[in-house]
C-alpha atoms as a PDB file:
ATOM      1  CA  MET A   1       5.596  12.246 -26.741  1.00  0.00           C
ATOM      2  CA  LYS A   2       2.278  10.790 -25.639  1.00  0.00           C
ATOM      3  CA  SER A   3       0.975  10.600 -22.091  1.00  0.00           C
ATOM      4  CA  GLY A   4      -1.098   7.848 -20.546  1.00  0.00           C
ATOM      5  CA  LYS A   5      -1.691   5.514 -17.628  1.00  0.00           C
ATOM      6  CA  VAL A   6      -0.335   2.036 -16.920  1.00  0.00           C
ATOM      7  CA  VAL A   7      -3.455  -0.171 -17.008  1.00  0.00           C
ATOM      8  CA  SER A   8      -1.746  -3.553 -16.573  1.00  0.00           C
ATOM      9  CA  TYR A   9       1.689  -4.737 -15.536  1.00  0.00           C
ATOM     10  CA  SER A  10       3.164  -8.104 -14.546  1.00  0.00           C
ATOM     11  CA  ASN A  11       6.094  -7.962 -12.132  1.00  0.00           C
ATOM     12  CA  GLU A  12       6.910 -11.555 -13.040  1.00  0.00           C
ATOM     13  CA  LYS A  13       6.887 -11.142 -16.823  1.00  0.00           C
ATOM     14  CA  LYS A  14       8.090  -7.513 -16.734  1.00  0.00           C
ATOM     15  CA  TYR A  15       5.651  -6.190 -19.306  1.00  0.00           C
ATOM     16  CA  GLY A  16       2.291  -4.486 -19.473  1.00  0.00           C
ATOM     17  CA  PHE A  17       0.124  -1.991 -21.329  1.00  0.00           C
ATOM     18  CA  ILE A  18      -0.312   1.769 -21.264  1.00  0.00           C
ATOM     19  CA  ARG A  19      -3.585   3.413 -22.290  1.00  0.00           C
ATOM     20  CA  SER A  20      -2.917   6.710 -24.014  1.00  0.00           C
ATOM     21  CA  ASP A  21      -4.783   9.834 -22.914  1.00  0.00           C
ATOM     22  CA  ASP A  22      -4.271  11.265 -26.394  1.00  0.00           C
ATOM     23  CA  ASP A  23      -5.942   8.616 -28.566  1.00  0.00           C
ATOM     24  CA  GLY A  24      -7.341   6.044 -26.105  1.00  0.00           C
ATOM     25  CA  GLU A  25      -5.240   3.263 -27.628  1.00  0.00           C
ATOM     26  CA  SER A  26      -3.310   0.629 -25.657  1.00  0.00           C
ATOM     27  CA  TYR A  27       0.469   0.402 -26.056  1.00  0.00           C
ATOM     28  CA  PHE A  28       2.585  -2.600 -25.100  1.00  0.00           C
ATOM     29  CA  PHE A  29       5.767  -1.961 -23.119  1.00  0.00           C
ATOM     30  CA  HIS A  30       8.541  -3.961 -21.473  1.00  0.00           C
ATOM     31  CA  ILE A  31      10.358  -2.807 -18.350  1.00  0.00           C
ATOM     32  CA  SER A  32      13.494  -2.458 -20.495  1.00  0.00           C
ATOM     33  CA  ASP A  33      11.649   0.335 -22.339  1.00  0.00           C
ATOM     34  CA  VAL A  34      11.455   2.311 -19.085  1.00  0.00           C
ATOM     35  CA  GLY A  35      14.279   4.552 -17.912  1.00  0.00           C
ATOM     36  CA  LYS A  36      16.324   2.902 -15.152  1.00  0.00           C
ATOM     37  CA  THR A  37      15.538   5.659 -12.643  1.00  0.00           C
ATOM     38  CA  ASP A  38      11.789   5.176 -13.239  1.00  0.00           C
ATOM     39  CA  GLN A  39      11.557   1.378 -13.325  1.00  0.00           C
ATOM     40  CA  ALA A  40      10.732   1.155  -9.607  1.00  0.00           C
ATOM     41  CA  GLU A  41       7.875   3.624 -10.172  1.00  0.00           C
ATOM     42  CA  ILE A  42       6.047   1.482 -12.698  1.00  0.00           C
ATOM     43  CA  SER A  43       2.775   0.083 -11.358  1.00  0.00           C
ATOM     44  CA  ILE A  44      -0.874  -0.018 -12.335  1.00  0.00           C
ATOM     45  CA  GLY A  45      -2.334   3.466 -12.366  1.00  0.00           C
ATOM     46  CA  ARG A  46       1.010   5.209 -12.810  1.00  0.00           C
ATOM     47  CA  ILE A  47       0.963   8.158 -15.219  1.00  0.00           C
ATOM     48  CA  VAL A  48       3.751   8.063 -17.795  1.00  0.00           C
ATOM     49  CA  GLN A  49       5.041   9.681 -20.960  1.00  0.00           C
ATOM     50  CA  PHE A  50       6.293   7.641 -23.897  1.00  0.00           C
ATOM     51  CA  ASP A  51       7.092   7.508 -27.577  1.00  0.00           C
ATOM     52  CA  ASP A  52       4.734   5.408 -29.701  1.00  0.00           C
ATOM     53  CA  VAL A  53       6.567   3.060 -32.071  1.00  0.00           C
ATOM     54  CA  PRO A  54       5.124   0.441 -34.465  1.00  0.00           C
ATOM     55  CA  GLY A  55       5.910  -3.126 -33.354  1.00  0.00           C
ATOM     56  CA  PRO A  56       5.453  -6.611 -34.845  1.00  0.00           C
ATOM     57  CA  LYS A  57       2.187  -7.080 -32.894  1.00  0.00           C
ATOM     58  CA  GLY A  58       0.929  -3.500 -32.901  1.00  0.00           C
ATOM     59  CA  MET A  59       1.929  -0.190 -31.405  1.00  0.00           C
ATOM     60  CA  ALA A  60       4.470  -0.217 -28.583  1.00  0.00           C
ATOM     61  CA  ALA A  61       5.614   2.329 -26.030  1.00  0.00           C
ATOM     62  CA  LYS A  62       9.309   3.212 -25.943  1.00  0.00           C
ATOM     63  CA  LYS A  63      11.346   5.627 -23.809  1.00  0.00           C
ATOM     64  CA  VAL A  64       8.750   5.367 -21.052  1.00  0.00           C
ATOM     65  CA  SER A  65       9.200   7.760 -18.148  1.00  0.00           C
ATOM     66  CA  ALA A  66       7.129   8.354 -15.007  1.00  0.00           C
ATOM     67  CA  VAL A  67       5.424  11.730 -14.653  1.00  0.00           C
ATOM     68  CA  GLU A  68       5.169  13.459 -11.289  1.00  0.00           C
ATOM     69  CA  SER A  69       1.714  12.620 -10.022  1.00  0.00           C
ATOM     70  CA  TYR A  70      -0.276  12.110  -6.837  1.00  0.00           C
ATOM     71  CA  SER A  71      -2.192   9.221  -5.291  1.00  0.00           C
ATOM     72  CA  LEU A  72      -5.934   9.061  -5.789  1.00  0.00           C
ATOM     73  CA  TYR A  73      -8.254   6.642  -3.958  1.00  0.00           C
ATOM     74  CA  GLU A  74     -11.648   5.857  -5.444  1.00  0.00           C
ATOM     75  CA  SER A  75     -14.425   3.309  -4.925  1.00  0.00           C
ATOM     76  CA  PRO A  76     -13.646  -0.073  -6.529  1.00  0.00           C
ATOM     77  CA  GLY A  77     -17.345  -0.833  -7.088  1.00  0.00           C
ATOM     78  CA  GLU A  78     -20.581  -1.567  -5.269  1.00  0.00           C
ATOM     79  CA  ASP A  79     -20.073  -5.226  -4.330  1.00  0.00           C
ATOM     80  CA  VAL A  80     -18.377  -6.269  -1.083  1.00  0.00           C
ATOM     81  CA  ILE A  81     -14.940  -7.765  -1.769  1.00  0.00           C
ATOM     82  CA  VAL A  82     -14.291 -11.166  -0.150  1.00  0.00           C
ATOM     83  CA  SER A  83     -10.717 -12.489  -0.221  1.00  0.00           C
ATOM     84  CA  LYS A  84      -8.902 -15.386   1.422  1.00  0.00           C
ATOM     85  CA  SER A  85      -5.776 -13.217   1.671  1.00  0.00           C
ATOM     86  CA  GLU A  86      -4.789  -9.554   1.916  1.00  0.00           C
ATOM     87  CA  ALA A  87      -5.124  -9.301  -1.861  1.00  0.00           C
ATOM     88  CA  CYS A  88      -8.219  -7.277  -2.723  1.00  0.00           C
ATOM     89  CA  GLY A  89      -8.206  -6.975  -6.495  1.00  0.00           C
ATOM     90  CA  ASN A  90      -5.976  -5.646  -9.227  1.00  0.00           C
ATOM     91  CA  GLY A  91      -5.057  -2.048  -8.454  1.00  0.00           C
ATOM     92  CA  ASN A  92      -6.970  -2.073  -5.159  1.00  0.00           C
ATOM     93  CA  GLU A  93      -5.546  -1.329  -1.719  1.00  0.00           C
ATOM     94  CA  ALA A  94      -6.843  -1.835   1.817  1.00  0.00           C
ATOM     95  CA  VAL A  95      -6.663   1.676   3.268  1.00  0.00           C
ATOM     96  CA  HIS A  96      -8.209   0.839   6.652  1.00  0.00           C
ATOM     97  CA  ILE A  97      -8.738  -2.409   8.580  1.00  0.00           C
ATOM     98  CA  VAL A  98     -11.247  -2.228  11.434  1.00  0.00           C
ATOM     99  CA  ARG A  99     -11.002  -5.579  13.191  1.00  0.00           C
ATOM    100  CA  THR A 100     -11.319  -9.340  12.780  1.00  0.00           C
ATOM    101  CA  VAL A 101     -14.861 -10.642  13.147  1.00  0.00           C
ATOM    102  CA  GLN A 102     -16.096 -14.236  13.439  1.00  0.00           C
ATOM    103  CA  VAL A 103     -19.632 -15.340  12.673  1.00  0.00           C
ATOM    104  CA  GLU A 104     -21.411 -18.681  12.742  1.00  0.00           C
ATOM    105  CA  HIS A 105     -24.364 -20.149  10.909  1.00  0.00           C
ATOM    106  CA  GLU A 106     -25.721 -23.515   9.855  1.00  0.00           C
ATOM    107  CA  GLU A 107     -25.357 -22.429   6.200  1.00  0.00           C
ATOM    108  CA  PRO A 108     -21.873 -21.340   5.008  1.00  0.00           C
ATOM    109  CA  ASP A 109     -23.204 -18.901   2.393  1.00  0.00           C
ATOM    110  CA  THR A 110     -25.398 -17.246   5.008  1.00  0.00           C
ATOM    111  CA  ALA A 111     -22.379 -16.861   7.310  1.00  0.00           C
ATOM    112  CA  VAL A 112     -20.517 -14.997   4.547  1.00  0.00           C
ATOM    113  CA  GLN A 113     -23.561 -12.790   3.969  1.00  0.00           C
ATOM    114  CA  ILE A 114     -23.640 -11.955   7.689  1.00  0.00           C
ATOM    115  CA  LEU A 115     -19.987 -10.911   7.500  1.00  0.00           C
ATOM    116  CA  LYS A 116     -20.740  -8.734   4.465  1.00  0.00           C
ATOM    117  CA  GLY A 117     -23.630  -7.134   6.310  1.00  0.00           C
ATOM    118  CA  LYS A 118     -21.413  -6.292   9.277  1.00  0.00           C
ATOM    119  CA  ALA A 119     -18.941  -4.621   6.893  1.00  0.00           C
ATOM    120  CA  THR A 120     -21.508  -2.497   5.051  1.00  0.00           C
ATOM    121  CA  ALA A 121     -23.225  -1.534   8.321  1.00  0.00           C
ATOM    122  CA  ILE A 122     -20.192   0.537   9.330  1.00  0.00           C
ATOM    123  CA  GLY A 123     -19.288   1.788   5.860  1.00  0.00           C
ATOM    124  CA  CYS A 124     -16.686  -0.812   4.851  1.00  0.00           C
ATOM    125  CA  ASN A 125     -16.629  -2.805   1.625  1.00  0.00           C
ATOM    126  CA  ALA A 126     -14.318  -5.784   2.124  1.00  0.00           C
ATOM    127  CA  ILE A 127     -13.720  -8.990   4.077  1.00  0.00           C
ATOM    128  CA  LEU A 128     -10.034  -9.929   3.881  1.00  0.00           C
ATOM    129  CA  ASN A 129      -8.119 -12.998   5.124  1.00  0.00           C
ATOM    130  CA  LEU A 130     -11.323 -15.023   5.182  1.00  0.00           C
ATOM    131  CA  THR A 131     -10.972 -18.383   6.953  1.00  0.00           C
ATOM    132  CA  ARG A 132     -13.526 -21.176   7.191  1.00  0.00           C
ATOM    133  CA  SER A 133     -13.981 -23.864   9.811  1.00  0.00           C
ATOM    134  CA  LYS A 134     -16.721 -26.034  11.300  1.00  0.00           C
ATOM    135  CA  ARG A 135     -17.787 -27.258  14.679  1.00  0.00           C
ATOM    136  CA  THR A 136     -20.423 -29.734  15.792  1.00  0.00           C
ATOM    137  CA  GLY A 137     -23.513 -28.515  17.558  1.00  0.00           C
ATOM    138  CA  THR A 138     -25.745 -30.574  19.878  1.00  0.00           C
ATOM    139  CA  ALA A 139     -29.458 -29.972  20.324  1.00  0.00           C
ATOM    140  CA  TRP A 140     -30.284 -29.007  23.908  1.00  0.00           C
ATOM    141  CA  THR A 141     -33.447 -31.118  23.769  1.00  0.00           C
ATOM    142  CA  ASN A 142     -31.757 -34.181  22.261  1.00  0.00           C
ATOM    143  CA  SER A 143     -28.071 -34.925  22.788  1.00  0.00           C
ATOM    144  CA  ASN A 144     -28.168 -37.444  19.931  1.00  0.00           C
ATOM    145  CA  TYR A 145     -29.050 -34.715  17.417  1.00  0.00           C
ATOM    146  CA  LYS A 146     -25.816 -33.385  15.888  1.00  0.00           C
ATOM    147  CA  TYR A 147     -25.375 -30.751  13.213  1.00  0.00           C
ATOM    148  CA  SER A 148     -22.604 -28.649  11.634  1.00  0.00           C
ATOM    149  CA  ILE A 149     -22.076 -25.011  12.484  1.00  0.00           C
ATOM    150  CA  HIS A 150     -19.994 -23.130   9.922  1.00  0.00           C
ATOM    151  CA  GLN A 151     -17.573 -20.545  11.258  1.00  0.00           C
ATOM    152  CA  MET A 152     -16.322 -17.669   9.102  1.00  0.00           C
ATOM    153  CA  SER A 153     -13.649 -15.258  10.239  1.00  0.00           C
ATOM    154  CA  GLY A 154     -12.275 -12.249   8.375  1.00  0.00           C
ATOM    155  CA  ASP A 155     -10.859  -8.743   8.635  1.00  0.00           C
ATOM    156  CA  ILE A 156     -13.459  -6.070   7.983  1.00  0.00           C
ATOM    157  CA  ALA A 157     -11.775  -3.416   5.860  1.00  0.00           C
ATOM    158  CA  LEU A 158     -12.188  -0.391   3.614  1.00  0.00           C
ATOM    159  CA  VAL A 159     -10.721  -0.980   0.166  1.00  0.00           C
ATOM    160  CA  LYS A 160     -10.095   1.654  -2.478  1.00  0.00           C
ATOM    161  CA  LYS A 161      -8.953   1.515  -6.082  1.00  0.00           C
ATOM    162  CA  LYS A 162      -5.647   3.333  -6.262  1.00  0.00           C
ATOM    163  CA  SER A 163      -4.743   5.488  -9.225  1.00  0.00           C
ATOM    164  CA  ARG A 164      -2.772   8.649  -9.937  1.00  0.00           C
ATOM    165  CA  THR A 165      -3.626  12.204 -10.901  1.00  0.00           C
ATOM    166  CA  LEU A 166      -1.575  15.128 -12.175  1.00  0.00           C
ATOM    167  CA  SER A 167      -3.646  17.509 -10.073  1.00  0.00           C
ATOM    168  CA  ARG A 168      -2.219  18.126  -6.609  1.00  0.00           C
ATOM    169  CA  GLU A 169      -5.403  19.971  -5.620  1.00  0.00           C
ATOM    170  CA  LYS A 170      -7.565  17.005  -6.616  1.00  0.00           C
ATOM    171  CA  ALA A 171      -5.303  14.614  -4.684  1.00  0.00           C
ATOM    172  CA  GLU A 172      -5.429  16.734  -1.528  1.00  0.00           C
ATOM    173  CA  LYS A 173      -9.223  16.961  -1.699  1.00  0.00           C
ATOM    174  CA  ASN A 174      -9.433  13.207  -2.215  1.00  0.00           C
ATOM    175  CA  LYS A 175      -7.135  12.596   0.774  1.00  0.00           C
ATOM    176  CA  SER A 176      -9.300  14.806   2.977  1.00  0.00           C
ATOM    177  CA  GLU A 177     -12.449  12.957   1.914  1.00  0.00           C
ATOM    178  CA  LEU A 178     -10.803   9.604   2.607  1.00  0.00           C
ATOM    179  CA  GLU A 179      -9.713  10.699   6.087  1.00  0.00           C
ATOM    180  CA  LYS A 180     -13.291  11.801   6.860  1.00  0.00           C
ATOM    181  CA  GLU A 181     -14.636   8.462   5.597  1.00  0.00           C
ATOM    182  CA  ILE A 182     -12.243   6.524   7.843  1.00  0.00           C
ATOM    183  CA  GLU A 183     -13.069   8.787  10.786  1.00  0.00           C
ATOM    184  CA  ALA A 184     -16.786   8.094  10.260  1.00  0.00           C
ATOM    185  CA  ILE A 185     -16.131   4.340  10.201  1.00  0.00           C
ATOM    186  CA  ASP A 186     -14.147   4.509  13.441  1.00  0.00           C
ATOM    187  CA  GLY A 187     -16.939   6.564  15.001  1.00  0.00           C
ATOM    188  CA  ARG A 188     -19.460   3.767  14.508  1.00  0.00           C
ATOM    189  CA  HIS A 189     -19.823   0.763  16.814  1.00  0.00           C
ATOM    190  CA  ASN A 190     -17.312  -1.956  16.044  1.00  0.00           C
ATOM    191  CA  PRO A 191     -19.018  -5.029  14.557  1.00  0.00           C
ATOM    192  CA  ALA A 192     -19.388  -7.838  17.090  1.00  0.00           C
ATOM    193  CA  ASN A 193     -18.903 -11.560  16.658  1.00  0.00           C
ATOM    194  CA  TYR A 194     -22.022 -13.608  15.980  1.00  0.00           C
ATOM    195  CA  THR A 195     -22.181 -16.969  17.705  1.00  0.00           C
ATOM    196  CA  VAL A 196     -24.827 -19.633  17.182  1.00  0.00           C
ATOM    197  CA  ASN A 197     -25.837 -21.621  20.239  1.00  0.00           C
ATOM    198  CA  ASP A 198     -27.878 -24.772  20.466  1.00  0.00           C
ATOM    199  CA  PHE A 199     -30.821 -23.014  22.090  1.00  0.00           C
ATOM    200  CA  ASN A 200     -31.135 -20.483  19.271  1.00  0.00           C
ATOM    201  CA  ILE A 201     -31.172 -23.189  16.618  1.00  0.00           C
ATOM    202  CA  MET A 202     -33.710 -25.372  18.385  1.00  0.00           C
ATOM    203  CA  TYR A 203     -35.786 -22.290  19.165  1.00  0.00           C
ATOM    204  CA  ARG A 204     -36.027 -21.549  15.436  1.00  0.00           C
ATOM    205  CA  VAL A 205     -36.769 -25.190  14.652  1.00  0.00           C
ATOM    206  CA  ILE A 206     -39.588 -25.296  17.217  1.00  0.00           C
ATOM    207  CA  TRP A 207     -41.098 -22.072  15.926  1.00  0.00           C
ATOM    208  CA  GLY A 208     -40.828 -23.393  12.373  1.00  0.00           C
ATOM    209  CA  VAL A 209     -42.790 -26.504  13.375  1.00  0.00           C
ATOM    210  CA  ILE A 210     -45.393 -24.369  15.165  1.00  0.00           C
ATOM    211  CA  VAL A 211     -45.849 -22.167  12.087  1.00  0.00           C
ATOM    212  CA  LEU A 212     -46.274 -25.240   9.869  1.00  0.00           C
ATOM    213  CA  VAL A 213     -48.862 -26.657  12.264  1.00  0.00           C
ATOM    214  CA  ILE A 214     -50.784 -23.375  12.291  1.00  0.00           C
ATOM    215  CA  ILE A 215     -50.729 -23.214   8.485  1.00  0.00           C
ATOM    216  CA  GLY A 216     -51.930 -26.814   8.327  1.00  0.00           C
ATOM    217  CA  VAL A 217     -54.800 -26.105  10.713  1.00  0.00           C
ATOM    218  CA  VAL A 218     -55.858 -23.006   8.744  1.00  0.00           C
ATOM    219  CA  ILE A 219     -55.809 -24.908   5.452  1.00  0.00           C
ATOM    220  CA  TRP A 220     -57.719 -27.824   6.993  1.00  0.00           C
END
């Protein structure tokens, strides 16, 4: 028998692929090829054993069975994950949610960047359940001047890519490291909401005009 890891699986279509540790090849399998007692165990990252059998579209895995293994949580990548739901990527899992934070800015992309910055500042790497809304701001110096303020709200979280390992020692070490990482996050100041007010906006506008005037005078 060969051993390998489930690298893709569709619960809806009931099939996926296993990448063999022995030859690095991918093997197609259907849930019917998995023993009934192991079918509930099949998920991405699961370590399995199987027989390789030629099929009409390539090599297939038959007599698939789950191997006793342990959870392993690793970094999913460098970029901050932004999701409109709790979903955080194929094979990923939110292992710790800090709190919901709302920020505002005149530019929607900048508001998202502020949220990302608040996540990375405390060691997190995801914004989940992102919602967007707008409100109308009024200039404090001119009530007729209206503008849009974009509001972004999301759950700041720590997301890890979940896989499996045959090594219990490696899994226990990984669990200890994860607990320390979460403890460090909780030990930092919780990120605060960021609210834009009319005075702040007009203050920046006024200073922008002043800077332009100064530049114009220098050039002149």
